[in-house]
N, C-alpha and C. Protein backbone atom coordinates (compact mmCIF):
# COMPACT_ATOMS: atom_id res chain seq x y z
N MET A 1 55.48 20.93 -44.36
CA MET A 1 55.18 21.59 -45.93
C MET A 1 54.60 19.85 -46.86
N ALA A 2 54.08 18.87 -46.03
CA ALA A 2 53.44 17.52 -46.59
C ALA A 2 51.71 18.63 -46.72
N LEU A 3 51.50 19.39 -46.86
CA LEU A 3 50.69 20.27 -47.56
C LEU A 3 50.47 20.84 -48.22
N PHE A 4 52.10 20.70 -48.88
CA PHE A 4 52.48 21.22 -49.82
C PHE A 4 51.90 20.46 -51.34
N GLU A 5 52.93 19.75 -50.74
CA GLU A 5 52.91 17.74 -50.88
C GLU A 5 52.20 17.38 -51.24
N GLN A 6 50.66 17.57 -50.73
CA GLN A 6 49.46 16.76 -51.21
C GLN A 6 48.78 17.26 -51.99
N ALA A 7 49.27 19.30 -52.57
CA ALA A 7 48.53 19.53 -53.12
C ALA A 7 49.18 19.56 -54.80
N GLY A 8 50.02 19.06 -54.43
CA GLY A 8 50.52 18.14 -56.29
C GLY A 8 52.00 19.18 -55.76
N PHE A 9 52.48 19.31 -55.55
CA PHE A 9 53.76 20.40 -55.25
C PHE A 9 55.07 19.00 -55.05
N ALA A 10 56.40 19.23 -56.01
CA ALA A 10 56.79 18.46 -55.49
C ALA A 10 58.10 19.34 -54.94
N HIS A 11 59.62 18.52 -54.62
CA HIS A 11 60.37 19.67 -54.32
C HIS A 11 60.88 20.27 -54.17
N VAL A 12 59.45 20.69 -52.28
CA VAL A 12 58.92 21.36 -51.50
C VAL A 12 60.04 22.06 -50.63
N SER A 13 60.44 23.31 -50.43
CA SER A 13 61.35 23.96 -49.35
C SER A 13 60.93 24.96 -48.72
N CYS A 14 61.43 25.35 -48.22
CA CYS A 14 60.19 26.43 -46.75
C CYS A 14 62.10 27.66 -45.66
N ARG A 15 61.97 28.52 -46.48
CA ARG A 15 62.97 29.32 -45.48
C ARG A 15 62.23 30.45 -44.68
N THR A 16 62.59 30.26 -43.47
CA THR A 16 62.30 31.36 -42.47
C THR A 16 63.12 32.95 -42.28
N ILE A 17 62.64 33.67 -42.77
CA ILE A 17 62.89 35.42 -42.88
C ILE A 17 62.58 36.11 -41.59
N ALA A 18 63.68 36.35 -40.98
CA ALA A 18 63.51 37.96 -40.17
C ALA A 18 62.98 38.62 -41.24
N ALA A 19 62.07 39.26 -40.18
CA ALA A 19 60.95 40.99 -41.07
C ALA A 19 60.83 40.93 -39.34
N PRO A 20 61.06 41.79 -38.56
CA PRO A 20 61.29 42.24 -37.76
C PRO A 20 60.59 43.41 -37.82
N MET A 21 59.44 44.16 -36.74
CA MET A 21 58.46 45.41 -37.07
C MET A 21 58.77 45.37 -36.39
N THR A 22 59.70 47.31 -36.55
CA THR A 22 59.66 48.62 -35.96
C THR A 22 59.09 49.00 -35.70
N LEU A 23 58.53 50.18 -35.01
CA LEU A 23 57.09 51.38 -34.93
C LEU A 23 57.80 51.98 -33.10
N PRO A 24 56.63 53.39 -33.08
CA PRO A 24 57.41 53.46 -32.48
C PRO A 24 57.03 53.68 -30.22
N THR A 25 55.73 51.93 -30.55
CA THR A 25 55.13 51.82 -29.16
C THR A 25 54.85 50.55 -29.59
N ALA A 26 54.72 49.93 -28.04
CA ALA A 26 54.15 48.75 -27.79
C ALA A 26 52.70 49.47 -28.50
N ARG A 27 52.40 49.97 -28.03
CA ARG A 27 50.52 50.95 -28.61
C ARG A 27 50.11 50.52 -30.13
N HIS A 28 51.69 51.01 -30.48
CA HIS A 28 51.29 51.17 -32.31
C HIS A 28 51.35 49.68 -32.99
N TYR A 29 51.90 49.03 -31.68
CA TYR A 29 51.49 47.52 -32.30
C TYR A 29 50.25 47.01 -31.83
N VAL A 30 50.15 47.43 -31.22
CA VAL A 30 48.84 46.40 -30.60
C VAL A 30 46.92 47.07 -31.24
N ASP A 31 48.27 48.90 -31.48
CA ASP A 31 46.64 49.48 -32.25
C ASP A 31 46.93 48.46 -33.87
N PHE A 32 47.92 48.31 -34.24
CA PHE A 32 48.09 47.47 -35.71
C PHE A 32 47.51 46.04 -35.67
N LEU A 33 47.88 45.60 -34.38
CA LEU A 33 46.78 43.81 -35.01
C LEU A 33 45.57 43.94 -34.37
N ARG A 34 45.00 45.11 -33.37
CA ARG A 34 43.44 44.83 -33.79
C ARG A 34 43.12 45.62 -34.36
N THR A 35 43.25 46.03 -35.37
CA THR A 35 42.75 46.40 -37.06
C THR A 35 43.50 45.78 -38.39
N SER A 36 44.21 44.70 -37.68
CA SER A 36 44.70 44.01 -39.43
C SER A 36 44.94 42.37 -39.33
N ALA A 37 45.05 42.21 -37.59
CA ALA A 37 45.89 40.24 -37.48
C ALA A 37 43.60 39.82 -37.10
N GLY A 38 43.41 39.68 -38.58
CA GLY A 38 42.18 38.80 -38.52
C GLY A 38 41.59 37.93 -37.38
N PRO A 39 43.31 36.95 -37.39
CA PRO A 39 42.99 35.56 -36.67
C PRO A 39 42.75 36.44 -34.91
N ILE A 40 43.61 36.83 -34.90
CA ILE A 40 43.94 37.62 -32.68
C ILE A 40 42.56 38.47 -33.17
N MET A 41 41.43 38.77 -33.56
CA MET A 41 40.86 39.73 -33.45
C MET A 41 39.14 38.32 -33.41
N ALA A 42 39.35 37.37 -33.75
CA ALA A 42 38.45 36.91 -33.79
C ALA A 42 38.61 35.87 -32.89
N LEU A 43 39.52 35.46 -32.02
CA LEU A 43 39.67 34.89 -30.92
C LEU A 43 39.56 36.00 -29.57
N ALA A 44 40.32 37.45 -30.23
CA ALA A 44 39.11 38.44 -28.90
C ALA A 44 38.00 38.78 -28.22
N ASN A 45 37.69 38.30 -29.47
CA ASN A 45 35.74 38.58 -29.78
C ASN A 45 35.29 37.00 -28.86
N ARG A 46 35.75 36.33 -28.30
CA ARG A 46 35.50 34.74 -27.89
C ARG A 46 34.99 35.86 -25.97
N ILE A 47 36.50 36.16 -25.88
CA ILE A 47 36.08 37.17 -24.79
C ILE A 47 35.27 38.21 -24.53
N ALA A 48 34.23 37.95 -22.98
CA ALA A 48 33.14 39.46 -22.71
C ALA A 48 33.40 40.19 -23.34
N ALA A 49 32.16 41.45 -24.27
CA ALA A 49 32.86 42.25 -24.50
C ALA A 49 33.54 43.24 -23.65
N ASP A 50 33.36 43.28 -21.75
CA ASP A 50 33.73 44.05 -20.36
C ASP A 50 35.34 43.95 -19.91
N ARG A 51 35.22 42.59 -20.47
CA ARG A 51 36.64 42.15 -20.76
C ARG A 51 37.69 42.36 -21.10
N ARG A 52 37.43 42.99 -22.52
CA ARG A 52 38.57 43.13 -23.84
C ARG A 52 39.48 44.26 -23.78
N PRO A 53 39.23 45.50 -22.93
CA PRO A 53 40.03 45.91 -22.24
C PRO A 53 41.26 45.71 -22.11
N ALA A 54 40.85 45.26 -20.82
CA ALA A 54 41.90 44.13 -20.25
C ALA A 54 43.00 43.25 -20.75
N LEU A 55 42.14 42.64 -21.48
CA LEU A 55 43.11 41.88 -22.70
C LEU A 55 44.23 42.84 -23.44
N TRP A 56 43.25 43.57 -24.13
CA TRP A 56 44.35 44.94 -24.83
C TRP A 56 45.32 45.29 -23.75
N ALA A 57 45.17 45.39 -22.94
CA ALA A 57 45.84 46.12 -22.13
C ALA A 57 47.17 45.28 -21.48
N GLU A 58 46.94 43.78 -20.84
CA GLU A 58 47.94 42.30 -20.99
C GLU A 58 49.13 42.61 -22.51
N ILE A 59 48.37 42.42 -23.55
CA ILE A 59 48.83 42.03 -24.37
C ILE A 59 49.77 43.39 -24.75
N GLU A 60 49.31 44.97 -24.59
CA GLU A 60 50.10 45.79 -25.11
C GLU A 60 51.73 45.95 -23.96
N ARG A 61 51.59 45.49 -21.98
CA ARG A 61 52.21 45.32 -20.77
C ARG A 61 52.84 44.27 -21.53
N ALA A 62 52.59 42.99 -21.99
CA ALA A 62 53.31 41.34 -22.57
C ALA A 62 54.26 41.73 -23.85
N TYR A 63 54.15 43.24 -25.13
CA TYR A 63 54.71 43.92 -25.70
C TYR A 63 55.50 44.74 -25.52
N ALA A 64 56.00 45.56 -23.84
CA ALA A 64 55.98 46.16 -23.75
C ALA A 64 58.22 45.64 -23.52
N ALA A 65 58.01 44.46 -23.17
CA ALA A 65 59.74 44.30 -23.12
C ALA A 65 60.30 44.02 -24.12
N TYR A 66 59.17 44.32 -25.69
CA TYR A 66 60.59 44.47 -27.14
C TYR A 66 60.91 46.41 -26.81
N ALA A 67 60.49 47.27 -26.43
CA ALA A 67 60.68 48.35 -26.71
C ALA A 67 61.34 48.38 -25.93
N SER A 68 62.88 49.69 -26.74
CA SER A 68 63.96 49.99 -26.40
C SER A 68 64.42 52.04 -26.43
N SER A 69 64.50 52.37 -25.98
CA SER A 69 64.97 53.86 -26.22
C SER A 69 65.28 54.47 -27.86
N ASP A 70 65.08 53.80 -28.29
CA ASP A 70 65.08 53.55 -29.49
C ASP A 70 63.67 53.37 -30.44
N GLY A 71 62.62 52.82 -29.55
CA GLY A 71 61.26 52.66 -29.96
C GLY A 71 61.12 51.35 -29.92
N TRP A 72 59.95 50.53 -30.23
CA TRP A 72 59.95 49.50 -30.51
C TRP A 72 59.79 48.46 -31.32
N GLN A 73 61.10 47.07 -30.88
CA GLN A 73 60.82 46.10 -32.32
C GLN A 73 60.21 45.05 -31.66
N GLY A 74 59.33 44.11 -32.33
CA GLY A 74 58.54 43.38 -31.84
C GLY A 74 59.07 42.05 -33.15
N PRO A 75 59.66 40.78 -32.28
CA PRO A 75 59.87 39.79 -33.17
C PRO A 75 59.07 38.89 -33.83
N ASN A 76 59.21 39.29 -35.67
CA ASN A 76 58.50 38.59 -36.89
C ASN A 76 58.80 37.65 -37.30
N ALA A 77 57.68 36.41 -38.34
CA ALA A 77 59.73 35.67 -39.04
C ALA A 77 58.50 35.63 -40.71
N LEU A 78 58.96 35.58 -41.33
CA LEU A 78 57.91 35.16 -42.41
C LEU A 78 58.29 33.66 -42.86
N LEU A 79 57.87 33.15 -43.07
CA LEU A 79 57.66 32.21 -44.52
C LEU A 79 57.60 32.10 -45.30
N LEU A 80 58.75 31.42 -46.50
CA LEU A 80 59.10 31.59 -47.83
C LEU A 80 59.25 30.15 -48.31
N ALA A 81 57.63 29.92 -48.64
CA ALA A 81 57.97 27.93 -49.27
C ALA A 81 57.41 27.93 -50.36
N TRP A 82 58.85 27.24 -51.02
CA TRP A 82 57.85 27.10 -52.37
C TRP A 82 58.36 25.03 -53.38
N GLY A 83 57.46 24.82 -54.24
CA GLY A 83 57.92 23.63 -54.94
C GLY A 83 56.96 24.15 -56.22
N VAL A 84 57.05 23.22 -56.92
CA VAL A 84 56.28 22.72 -58.31
C VAL A 84 55.30 22.29 -58.15
N THR A 85 54.28 21.92 -60.24
CA THR A 85 53.72 21.28 -60.07
C THR A 85 54.47 20.42 -60.85
N THR A 86 53.30 18.88 -60.77
CA THR A 86 54.49 18.51 -62.01
C THR A 86 53.81 18.86 -63.26
N ALA A 87 52.99 19.78 -63.43
CA ALA A 87 52.90 20.23 -64.61
C ALA A 87 54.12 21.23 -65.25
N ASP A 88 54.68 22.21 -63.66
CA ASP A 88 55.68 22.43 -64.29
C ASP A 88 57.08 22.01 -64.59
N GLU A 89 57.28 20.39 -63.88
CA GLU A 89 58.55 19.44 -64.09
C GLU A 89 58.61 19.33 -65.90
N GLY A 90 56.86 19.05 -66.27
CA GLY A 90 56.88 18.35 -67.35
C GLY A 90 57.19 19.63 -68.59
N ALA A 91 57.30 20.96 -68.15
CA ALA A 91 57.52 21.62 -69.28
C ALA A 91 58.85 21.80 -68.88
N ALA A 92 59.61 21.81 -67.81
CA ALA A 92 60.55 22.23 -67.41
C ALA A 92 61.37 21.52 -68.32
N ASN A 93 61.58 20.14 -68.46
CA ASN A 93 61.66 18.36 -68.88
C ASN A 93 61.73 18.90 -69.89
N ALA A 94 60.09 19.06 -71.45
CA ALA A 94 60.55 19.37 -72.07
C ALA A 94 61.51 20.62 -73.30
N GLY A 95 62.12 21.92 -71.93
CA GLY A 95 62.66 22.99 -71.91
C GLY A 95 62.09 23.69 -72.87
N VAL A 96 60.55 24.36 -71.76
CA VAL A 96 59.13 24.65 -71.78
C VAL A 96 59.50 25.66 -70.97
N SER A 97 59.02 26.96 -71.42
CA SER A 97 59.65 27.87 -69.46
C SER A 97 57.48 28.25 -69.30
N THR A 98 57.46 28.11 -68.81
CA THR A 98 55.94 28.26 -68.18
C THR A 98 55.47 29.88 -66.95
């Protein structure tokens, strides 16, 4: 929350919201990671190309722990943070909506 305060926000709060991801299999989740998780791909691309298939296979094996007879549900959480700016506080104190 210090980053928000350094950016000029006051009365900063944060809440964690559970947002489990449900897919048919761990393979589907790995496919999702490979197509939409930029930071993970940046890390994976640091590994020699010939070793990447083994990396993805190991990731899939690790995530298989979240499989059940109903499919796959991996843990996931969202952090919802909010605060007000000095301008917001001044407007609120003056009875103005922003």
